[in-house]
Amino acid sequence: MITGLTKGGTEWTPEFVTDLDQAKCIGCGRCYKVCPRDVLDLVERELDDDDEDNDDDNMMVMALANAADCIGCGACGRVCPKGCYTYAAA
């Protein structure tokens, strides 16, 4: 497991994004704006079979574009109003 220290000397274990629940995502872009890396991208939502009666066919949501670039800061999850993110330690 990767651990480090903050500037103040407190131990810190990064948690890397492993999943983004597009069904919860409202496409607000808050996570995209705070991500210091190129991890996220705005894409057209993938419709499930349950979404047949959904009139909003072109809804834009976030997707993990480059999950390997995640540095484990957790900023995306802290600003997400819908709790779309799942994390794991390395």
PDB file of N, CA and C in Angstrom:
ATOM      1  N   MET A   1       0.835  -1.173   0.000  1.00  0.00           N
ATOM      2  CA  MET A   1       0.000   0.000   0.000  1.00  0.00           C
ATOM      3  C   MET A   1       0.884   1.242   0.000  1.00  0.00           C
ATOM      4  N   ILE A   2       0.506   2.192  -0.802  1.00  0.00           N
ATOM      5  CA  ILE A   2       1.245   3.454  -0.899  1.00  0.00           C
ATOM      6  C   ILE A   2       0.795   4.382   0.230  1.00  0.00           C
ATOM      7  N   THR A   3       1.739   4.925   0.970  1.00  0.00           N
ATOM      8  CA  THR A   3       1.435   5.926   1.985  1.00  0.00           C
ATOM      9  C   THR A   3       2.444   7.047   1.876  1.00  0.00           C
ATOM     10  N   GLY A   4       2.093   8.151   2.424  1.00  0.00           N
ATOM     11  CA  GLY A   4       2.988   9.298   2.405  1.00  0.00           C
ATOM     12  C   GLY A   4       2.681  10.197   3.582  1.00  0.00           C
ATOM     13  N   LEU A   5       3.305  11.348   3.588  1.00  0.00           N
ATOM     14  CA  LEU A   5       3.075  12.321   4.641  1.00  0.00           C
ATOM     15  C   LEU A   5       2.593  13.631   4.030  1.00  0.00           C
ATOM     16  N   THR A   6       1.701  14.292   4.741  1.00  0.00           N
ATOM     17  CA  THR A   6       1.295  15.628   4.325  1.00  0.00           C
ATOM     18  C   THR A   6       2.400  16.596   4.716  1.00  0.00           C
ATOM     19  N   LYS A   7       2.280  17.833   4.286  1.00  0.00           N
ATOM     20  CA  LYS A   7       3.272  18.848   4.639  1.00  0.00           C
ATOM     21  C   LYS A   7       3.386  18.999   6.154  1.00  0.00           C
ATOM     22  N   GLY A   8       2.266  18.790   6.845  1.00  0.00           N
ATOM     23  CA  GLY A   8       2.262  18.899   8.303  1.00  0.00           C
ATOM     24  C   GLY A   8       2.747  17.654   9.028  1.00  0.00           C
ATOM     25  N   GLY A   9       3.100  16.598   8.272  1.00  0.00           N
ATOM     26  CA  GLY A   9       3.640  15.397   8.877  1.00  0.00           C
ATOM     27  C   GLY A   9       2.620  14.309   9.172  1.00  0.00           C
ATOM     28  N   THR A  10       1.360  14.546   8.823  1.00  0.00           N
ATOM     29  CA  THR A  10       0.328  13.543   9.031  1.00  0.00           C
ATOM     30  C   THR A  10       0.411  12.473   7.951  1.00  0.00           C
ATOM     31  N   GLU A  11       0.268  11.205   8.357  1.00  0.00           N
ATOM     32  CA  GLU A  11       0.301  10.124   7.368  1.00  0.00           C
ATOM     33  C   GLU A  11      -0.938  10.205   6.485  1.00  0.00           C
ATOM     34  N   TRP A  12      -0.757   9.942   5.202  1.00  0.00           N
ATOM     35  CA  TRP A  12      -1.835  10.029   4.219  1.00  0.00           C
ATOM     36  C   TRP A  12      -1.740   8.861   3.258  1.00  0.00           C
ATOM     37  N   THR A  13      -2.849   8.177   3.044  1.00  0.00           N
ATOM     38  CA  THR A  13      -2.923   7.070   2.092  1.00  0.00           C
ATOM     39  C   THR A  13      -3.850   7.482   0.961  1.00  0.00           C
ATOM     40  N   PRO A  14      -3.332   7.633  -0.251  1.00  0.00           N
ATOM     41  CA  PRO A  14      -4.187   8.018  -1.375  1.00  0.00           C
ATOM     42  C   PRO A  14      -5.183   6.914  -1.711  1.00  0.00           C
ATOM     43  N   GLU A  15      -6.377   7.311  -2.103  1.00  0.00           N
ATOM     44  CA  GLU A  15      -7.384   6.375  -2.576  1.00  0.00           C
ATOM     45  C   GLU A  15      -7.707   6.757  -4.012  1.00  0.00           C
ATOM     46  N   PHE A  16      -7.504   5.812  -4.913  1.00  0.00           N
ATOM     47  CA  PHE A  16      -7.634   6.065  -6.340  1.00  0.00           C
ATOM     48  C   PHE A  16      -9.043   5.736  -6.823  1.00  0.00           C
ATOM     49  N   VAL A  17      -9.537   6.540  -7.746  1.00  0.00           N
ATOM     50  CA  VAL A  17     -10.881   6.312  -8.287  1.00  0.00           C
ATOM     51  C   VAL A  17     -10.898   5.004  -9.070  1.00  0.00           C
ATOM     52  N   THR A  18     -11.903   4.171  -8.779  1.00  0.00           N
ATOM     53  CA  THR A  18     -12.028   2.880  -9.452  1.00  0.00           C
ATOM     54  C   THR A  18     -13.295   2.793 -10.289  1.00  0.00           C
ATOM     55  N   ASP A  19     -14.296   3.619  -9.949  1.00  0.00           N
ATOM     56  CA  ASP A  19     -15.557   3.558 -10.671  1.00  0.00           C
ATOM     57  C   ASP A  19     -16.292   4.882 -10.560  1.00  0.00           C
ATOM     58  N   LEU A  20     -17.087   5.153 -11.576  1.00  0.00           N
ATOM     59  CA  LEU A  20     -17.929   6.343 -11.615  1.00  0.00           C
ATOM     60  C   LEU A  20     -19.311   5.869 -12.065  1.00  0.00           C
ATOM     61  N   ASP A  21     -20.325   6.054 -11.220  1.00  0.00           N
ATOM     62  CA  ASP A  21     -21.683   5.594 -11.508  1.00  0.00           C
ATOM     63  C   ASP A  21     -22.391   6.605 -12.408  1.00  0.00           C
ATOM     64  N   GLN A  22     -22.428   6.333 -13.712  1.00  0.00           N
ATOM     65  CA  GLN A  22     -23.038   7.254 -14.667  1.00  0.00           C
ATOM     66  C   GLN A  22     -24.538   7.380 -14.471  1.00  0.00           C
ATOM     67  N   ALA A  23     -25.176   6.386 -13.874  1.00  0.00           N
ATOM     68  CA  ALA A  23     -26.616   6.454 -13.629  1.00  0.00           C
ATOM     69  C   ALA A  23     -26.950   7.544 -12.609  1.00  0.00           C
ATOM     70  N   LYS A  24     -26.023   7.834 -11.694  1.00  0.00           N
ATOM     71  CA  LYS A  24     -26.213   8.891 -10.693  1.00  0.00           C
ATOM     72  C   LYS A  24     -25.760  10.257 -11.200  1.00  0.00           C
ATOM     73  N   CYS A  25     -24.801  10.273 -12.119  1.00  0.00           N
ATOM     74  CA  CYS A  25     -24.163  11.512 -12.581  1.00  0.00           C
ATOM     75  C   CYS A  25     -25.160  12.436 -13.264  1.00  0.00           C
ATOM     76  N   ILE A  26     -25.084  13.742 -12.914  1.00  0.00           N
ATOM     77  CA  ILE A  26     -25.951  14.741 -13.539  1.00  0.00           C
ATOM     78  C   ILE A  26     -25.192  15.617 -14.534  1.00  0.00           C
ATOM     79  N   GLY A  27     -23.913  15.332 -14.731  1.00  0.00           N
ATOM     80  CA  GLY A  27     -23.119  16.062 -15.715  1.00  0.00           C
ATOM     81  C   GLY A  27     -22.818  17.501 -15.349  1.00  0.00           C
ATOM     82  N   CYS A  28     -22.742  17.802 -14.066  1.00  0.00           N
ATOM     83  CA  CYS A  28     -22.519  19.189 -13.627  1.00  0.00           C
ATOM     84  C   CYS A  28     -21.108  19.690 -13.927  1.00  0.00           C
ATOM     85  N   GLY A  29     -20.129  18.781 -14.029  1.00  0.00           N
ATOM     86  CA  GLY A  29     -18.765  19.164 -14.361  1.00  0.00           C
ATOM     87  C   GLY A  29     -17.904  19.605 -13.203  1.00  0.00           C
ATOM     88  N   ARG A  30     -18.418  19.564 -11.987  1.00  0.00           N
ATOM     89  CA  ARG A  30     -17.627  19.998 -10.823  1.00  0.00           C
ATOM     90  C   ARG A  30     -16.367  19.160 -10.670  1.00  0.00           C
ATOM     91  N   CYS A  31     -16.510  17.846 -10.830  1.00  0.00           N
ATOM     92  CA  CYS A  31     -15.361  16.953 -10.678  1.00  0.00           C
ATOM     93  C   CYS A  31     -14.318  17.215 -11.760  1.00  0.00           C
ATOM     94  N   TYR A  32     -14.772  17.468 -12.962  1.00  0.00           N
ATOM     95  CA  TYR A  32     -13.870  17.751 -14.079  1.00  0.00           C
ATOM     96  C   TYR A  32     -13.035  18.996 -13.791  1.00  0.00           C
ATOM     97  N   LYS A  33     -13.671  20.001 -13.215  1.00  0.00           N
ATOM     98  CA  LYS A  33     -12.985  21.262 -12.927  1.00  0.00           C
ATOM     99  C   LYS A  33     -11.938  21.137 -11.836  1.00  0.00           C
ATOM    100  N   VAL A  34     -12.160  20.255 -10.849  1.00  0.00           N
ATOM    101  CA  VAL A  34     -11.202  20.156  -9.740  1.00  0.00           C
ATOM    102  C   VAL A  34     -10.118  19.109  -9.953  1.00  0.00           C
ATOM    103  N   CYS A  35     -10.294  18.228 -10.924  1.00  0.00           N
ATOM    104  CA  CYS A  35      -9.296  17.171 -11.142  1.00  0.00           C
ATOM    105  C   CYS A  35      -7.991  17.779 -11.645  1.00  0.00           C
ATOM    106  N   PRO A  36      -6.875  17.547 -10.925  1.00  0.00           N
ATOM    107  CA  PRO A  36      -5.599  18.123 -11.345  1.00  0.00           C
ATOM    108  C   PRO A  36      -4.928  17.342 -12.473  1.00  0.00           C
ATOM    109  N   ARG A  37      -5.518  16.231 -12.870  1.00  0.00           N
ATOM    110  CA  ARG A  37      -4.964  15.387 -13.928  1.00  0.00           C
ATOM    111  C   ARG A  37      -6.007  15.232 -15.031  1.00  0.00           C
ATOM    112  N   ASP A  38      -5.691  14.494 -16.059  1.00  0.00           N
ATOM    113  CA  ASP A  38      -6.594  14.288 -17.189  1.00  0.00           C
ATOM    114  C   ASP A  38      -7.332  12.950 -17.019  1.00  0.00           C
ATOM    115  N   VAL A  39      -8.037  12.793 -15.874  1.00  0.00           N
ATOM    116  CA  VAL A  39      -8.676  11.530 -15.533  1.00  0.00           C
ATOM    117  C   VAL A  39     -10.092  11.424 -16.113  1.00  0.00           C
ATOM    118  N   LEU A  40     -10.809  12.540 -16.165  1.00  0.00           N
ATOM    119  CA  LEU A  40     -12.223  12.529 -16.521  1.00  0.00           C
ATOM    120  C   LEU A  40     -12.498  13.129 -17.890  1.00  0.00           C
ATOM    121  N   ASP A  41     -13.646  12.746 -18.452  1.00  0.00           N
ATOM    122  CA  ASP A  41     -14.084  13.303 -19.725  1.00  0.00           C
ATOM    123  C   ASP A  41     -15.609  13.338 -19.737  1.00  0.00           C
ATOM    124  N   LEU A  42     -16.173  14.344 -20.369  1.00  0.00           N
ATOM    125  CA  LEU A  42     -17.611  14.470 -20.513  1.00  0.00           C
ATOM    126  C   LEU A  42     -18.028  13.710 -21.763  1.00  0.00           C
ATOM    127  N   VAL A  43     -18.958  12.756 -21.589  1.00  0.00           N
ATOM    128  CA  VAL A  43     -19.398  11.899 -22.696  1.00  0.00           C
ATOM    129  C   VAL A  43     -20.915  11.815 -22.703  1.00  0.00           C
ATOM    130  N   GLU A  44     -21.462  11.332 -23.804  1.00  0.00           N
ATOM    131  CA  GLU A  44     -22.893  11.089 -23.869  1.00  0.00           C
ATOM    132  C   GLU A  44     -23.213   9.858 -23.020  1.00  0.00           C
ATOM    133  N   ARG A  45     -24.236   9.958 -22.208  1.00  0.00           N
ATOM    134  CA  ARG A  45     -24.585   8.875 -21.296  1.00  0.00           C
ATOM    135  C   ARG A  45     -24.984   7.617 -22.054  1.00  0.00           C
ATOM    136  N   GLU A  46     -24.453   6.483 -21.578  1.00  0.00           N
ATOM    137  CA  GLU A  46     -24.809   5.193 -22.147  1.00  0.00           C
ATOM    138  C   GLU A  46     -26.158   4.788 -21.571  1.00  0.00           C
ATOM    139  N   LEU A  47     -27.163   4.615 -22.434  1.00  0.00           N
ATOM    140  CA  LEU A  47     -28.498   4.261 -21.975  1.00  0.00           C
ATOM    141  C   LEU A  47     -28.594   2.763 -21.715  1.00  0.00           C
ATOM    142  N   ASP A  48     -29.248   2.407 -20.606  1.00  0.00           N
ATOM    143  CA  ASP A  48     -29.528   1.011 -20.281  1.00  0.00           C
ATOM    144  C   ASP A  48     -30.877   0.630 -20.870  1.00  0.00           C
ATOM    145  N   ASP A  49     -31.203  -0.645 -20.817  1.00  0.00           N
ATOM    146  CA  ASP A  49     -32.513  -1.105 -21.273  1.00  0.00           C
ATOM    147  C   ASP A  49     -33.630  -0.473 -20.454  1.00  0.00           C
ATOM    148  N   ASP A  50     -33.347  -0.140 -19.193  1.00  0.00           N
ATOM    149  CA  ASP A  50     -34.351   0.477 -18.319  1.00  0.00           C
ATOM    150  C   ASP A  50     -34.636   1.915 -18.707  1.00  0.00           C
ATOM    151  N   ASP A  51     -33.811   2.526 -19.558  1.00  0.00           N
ATOM    152  CA  ASP A  51     -33.927   3.933 -19.919  1.00  0.00           C
ATOM    153  C   ASP A  51     -34.702   4.147 -21.210  1.00  0.00           C
ATOM    154  N   GLU A  52     -35.452   3.166 -21.684  1.00  0.00           N
ATOM    155  CA  GLU A  52     -36.141   3.274 -22.967  1.00  0.00           C
ATOM    156  C   GLU A  52     -37.098   4.455 -23.032  1.00  0.00           C
ATOM    157  N   ASP A  53     -37.759   4.760 -21.909  1.00  0.00           N
ATOM    158  CA  ASP A  53     -38.723   5.849 -21.907  1.00  0.00           C
ATOM    159  C   ASP A  53     -38.092   7.197 -21.557  1.00  0.00           C
ATOM    160  N   ASN A  54     -36.766   7.244 -21.480  1.00  0.00           N
ATOM    161  CA  ASN A  54     -36.051   8.475 -21.146  1.00  0.00           C
ATOM    162  C   ASN A  54     -36.035   9.407 -22.358  1.00  0.00           C
ATOM    163  N   ASP A  55     -36.623  10.604 -22.189  1.00  0.00           N
ATOM    164  CA  ASP A  55     -36.675  11.576 -23.277  1.00  0.00           C
ATOM    165  C   ASP A  55     -35.342  12.285 -23.487  1.00  0.00           C
ATOM    166  N   ASP A  56     -34.460  12.248 -22.493  1.00  0.00           N
ATOM    167  CA  ASP A  56     -33.195  12.973 -22.548  1.00  0.00           C
ATOM    168  C   ASP A  56     -32.106  12.065 -23.125  1.00  0.00           C
ATOM    169  N   ASP A  57     -32.219  11.740 -24.416  1.00  0.00           N
ATOM    170  CA  ASP A  57     -31.291  10.815 -25.058  1.00  0.00           C
ATOM    171  C   ASP A  57     -29.864  11.329 -25.109  1.00  0.00           C
ATOM    172  N   ASN A  58     -29.659  12.638 -25.109  1.00  0.00           N
ATOM    173  CA  ASN A  58     -28.330  13.213 -25.280  1.00  0.00           C
ATOM    174  C   ASN A  58     -27.749  13.747 -23.979  1.00  0.00           C
ATOM    175  N   MET A  59     -28.101  13.170 -22.851  1.00  0.00           N
ATOM    176  CA  MET A  59     -27.589  13.630 -21.571  1.00  0.00           C
ATOM    177  C   MET A  59     -26.083  13.388 -21.499  1.00  0.00           C
ATOM    178  N   MET A  60     -25.341  14.404 -21.109  1.00  0.00           N
ATOM    179  CA  MET A  60     -23.900  14.306 -20.979  1.00  0.00           C
ATOM    180  C   MET A  60     -23.549  14.022 -19.520  1.00  0.00           C
ATOM    181  N   VAL A  61     -22.623  13.097 -19.312  1.00  0.00           N
ATOM    182  CA  VAL A  61     -22.180  12.708 -17.980  1.00  0.00           C
ATOM    183  C   VAL A  61     -20.665  12.519 -17.990  1.00  0.00           C
ATOM    184  N   MET A  62     -20.086  12.391 -16.812  1.00  0.00           N
ATOM    185  CA  MET A  62     -18.651  12.160 -16.706  1.00  0.00           C
ATOM    186  C   MET A  62     -18.333  10.686 -16.919  1.00  0.00           C
ATOM    187  N   ALA A  63     -17.121  10.426 -17.382  1.00  0.00           N
ATOM    188  CA  ALA A  63     -16.611   9.071 -17.559  1.00  0.00           C
ATOM    189  C   ALA A  63     -15.142   9.073 -17.170  1.00  0.00           C
ATOM    190  N   LEU A  64     -14.646   7.911 -16.763  1.00  0.00           N
ATOM    191  CA  LEU A  64     -13.223   7.760 -16.479  1.00  0.00           C
ATOM    192  C   LEU A  64     -12.505   7.589 -17.804  1.00  0.00           C
ATOM    193  N   ALA A  65     -11.796   8.619 -18.206  1.00  0.00           N
ATOM    194  CA  ALA A  65     -11.081   8.593 -19.482  1.00  0.00           C
ATOM    195  C   ALA A  65      -9.672   8.029 -19.318  1.00  0.00           C
ATOM    196  N   ASN A  66      -8.988   8.425 -18.252  1.00  0.00           N
ATOM    197  CA  ASN A  66      -7.611   8.004 -17.992  1.00  0.00           C
ATOM    198  C   ASN A  66      -7.447   7.703 -16.508  1.00  0.00           C
ATOM    199  N   ALA A  67      -8.107   6.663 -16.029  1.00  0.00           N
ATOM    200  CA  ALA A  67      -8.074   6.324 -14.603  1.00  0.00           C
ATOM    201  C   ALA A  67      -6.650   6.090 -14.093  1.00  0.00           C
ATOM    202  N   ALA A  68      -5.761   5.656 -14.961  1.00  0.00           N
ATOM    203  CA  ALA A  68      -4.377   5.405 -14.555  1.00  0.00           C
ATOM    204  C   ALA A  68      -3.637   6.694 -14.194  1.00  0.00           C
ATOM    205  N   ASP A  69      -4.157   7.860 -14.585  1.00  0.00           N
ATOM    206  CA  ASP A  69      -3.546   9.143 -14.239  1.00  0.00           C
ATOM    207  C   ASP A  69      -3.994   9.661 -12.874  1.00  0.00           C
ATOM    208  N   CYS A  70      -4.926   8.961 -12.204  1.00  0.00           N
ATOM    209  CA  CYS A  70      -5.429   9.398 -10.902  1.00  0.00           C
ATOM    210  C   CYS A  70      -4.291   9.401  -9.882  1.00  0.00           C
ATOM    211  N   ILE A  71      -4.191  10.481  -9.098  1.00  0.00           N
ATOM    212  CA  ILE A  71      -3.157  10.576  -8.068  1.00  0.00           C
ATOM    213  C   ILE A  71      -3.713  10.309  -6.672  1.00  0.00           C
ATOM    214  N   GLY A  72      -5.008   9.990  -6.582  1.00  0.00           N
ATOM    215  CA  GLY A  72      -5.596   9.619  -5.304  1.00  0.00           C
ATOM    216  C   GLY A  72      -5.935  10.761  -4.377  1.00  0.00           C
ATOM    217  N   CYS A  73      -6.133  11.946  -4.916  1.00  0.00           N
ATOM    218  CA  CYS A  73      -6.420  13.107  -4.064  1.00  0.00           C
ATOM    219  C   CYS A  73      -7.858  13.127  -3.563  1.00  0.00           C
ATOM    220  N   GLY A  74      -8.803  12.508  -4.289  1.00  0.00           N
ATOM    221  CA  GLY A  74     -10.197  12.446  -3.872  1.00  0.00           C
ATOM    222  C   GLY A  74     -10.997  13.703  -4.093  1.00  0.00           C
ATOM    223  N   ALA A  75     -10.432  14.682  -4.784  1.00  0.00           N
ATOM    224  CA  ALA A  75     -11.134  15.954  -5.002  1.00  0.00           C
ATOM    225  C   ALA A  75     -12.450  15.751  -5.748  1.00  0.00           C
ATOM    226  N   CYS A  76     -12.467  14.829  -6.702  1.00  0.00           N
ATOM    227  CA  CYS A  76     -13.669  14.597  -7.496  1.00  0.00           C
ATOM    228  C   CYS A  76     -14.839  14.168  -6.613  1.00  0.00           C
ATOM    229  N   GLY A  77     -14.593  13.263  -5.708  1.00  0.00           N
ATOM    230  CA  GLY A  77     -15.646  12.774  -4.830  1.00  0.00           C
ATOM    231  C   GLY A  77     -16.113  13.803  -3.821  1.00  0.00           C
ATOM    232  N   ARG A  78     -15.213  14.672  -3.382  1.00  0.00           N
ATOM    233  CA  ARG A  78     -15.596  15.699  -2.404  1.00  0.00           C
ATOM    234  C   ARG A  78     -16.529  16.737  -3.001  1.00  0.00           C
ATOM    235  N   VAL A  79     -16.425  17.013  -4.297  1.00  0.00           N
ATOM    236  CA  VAL A  79     -17.290  18.026  -4.907  1.00  0.00           C
ATOM    237  C   VAL A  79     -18.520  17.425  -5.582  1.00  0.00           C
ATOM    238  N   CYS A  80     -18.587  16.104  -5.704  1.00  0.00           N
ATOM    239  CA  CYS A  80     -19.695  15.454  -6.395  1.00  0.00           C
ATOM    240  C   CYS A  80     -20.966  15.517  -5.545  1.00  0.00           C
ATOM    241  N   PRO A  81     -22.028  16.184  -6.042  1.00  0.00           N
ATOM    242  CA  PRO A  81     -23.253  16.298  -5.255  1.00  0.00           C
ATOM    243  C   PRO A  81     -24.078  15.012  -5.222  1.00  0.00           C
ATOM    244  N   LYS A  82     -23.751  14.028  -6.052  1.00  0.00           N
ATOM    245  CA  LYS A  82     -24.534  12.799  -6.146  1.00  0.00           C
ATOM    246  C   LYS A  82     -23.811  11.555  -5.633  1.00  0.00           C
ATOM    247  N   GLY A  83     -22.569  11.692  -5.186  1.00  0.00           N
ATOM    248  CA  GLY A  83     -21.820  10.549  -4.656  1.00  0.00           C
ATOM    249  C   GLY A  83     -21.562   9.470  -5.692  1.00  0.00           C
ATOM    250  N   CYS A  84     -21.093   9.869  -6.858  1.00  0.00           N
ATOM    251  CA  CYS A  84     -20.912   8.954  -7.994  1.00  0.00           C
ATOM    252  C   CYS A  84     -19.626   8.134  -7.941  1.00  0.00           C
ATOM    253  N   TYR A  85     -18.683   8.500  -7.097  1.00  0.00           N
ATOM    254  CA  TYR A  85     -17.348   7.907  -7.157  1.00  0.00           C
ATOM    255  C   TYR A  85     -17.119   6.788  -6.143  1.00  0.00           C
ATOM    256  N   THR A  86     -16.337   5.795  -6.578  1.00  0.00           N
ATOM    257  CA  THR A  86     -15.883   4.707  -5.732  1.00  0.00           C
ATOM    258  C   THR A  86     -14.359   4.720  -5.770  1.00  0.00           C
ATOM    259  N   TYR A  87     -13.735   4.491  -4.611  1.00  0.00           N
ATOM    260  CA  TYR A  87     -12.280   4.563  -4.489  1.00  0.00           C
ATOM    261  C   TYR A  87     -11.715   3.311  -3.853  1.00  0.00           C
ATOM    262  N   ALA A  88     -10.427   3.085  -4.064  1.00  0.00           N
ATOM    263  CA  ALA A  88      -9.689   2.006  -3.402  1.00  0.00           C
ATOM    264  C   ALA A  88      -8.245   2.440  -3.239  1.00  0.00           C
ATOM    265  N   ALA A  89      -7.626   1.979  -2.160  1.00  0.00           N
ATOM    266  CA  ALA A  89      -6.201   2.223  -1.954  1.00  0.00           C
ATOM    267  C   ALA A  89      -5.425   1.291  -2.882  1.00  0.00           C
ATOM    268  N   ALA A  90      -4.228   1.695  -3.224  1.00  0.00           N
ATOM    269  CA  ALA A  90      -3.415   0.884  -4.152  1.00  0.00           C
ATOM    270  C   ALA A  90      -2.920  -0.376  -3.518  1.00  0.00           C
TER     271      ALA A  90
END
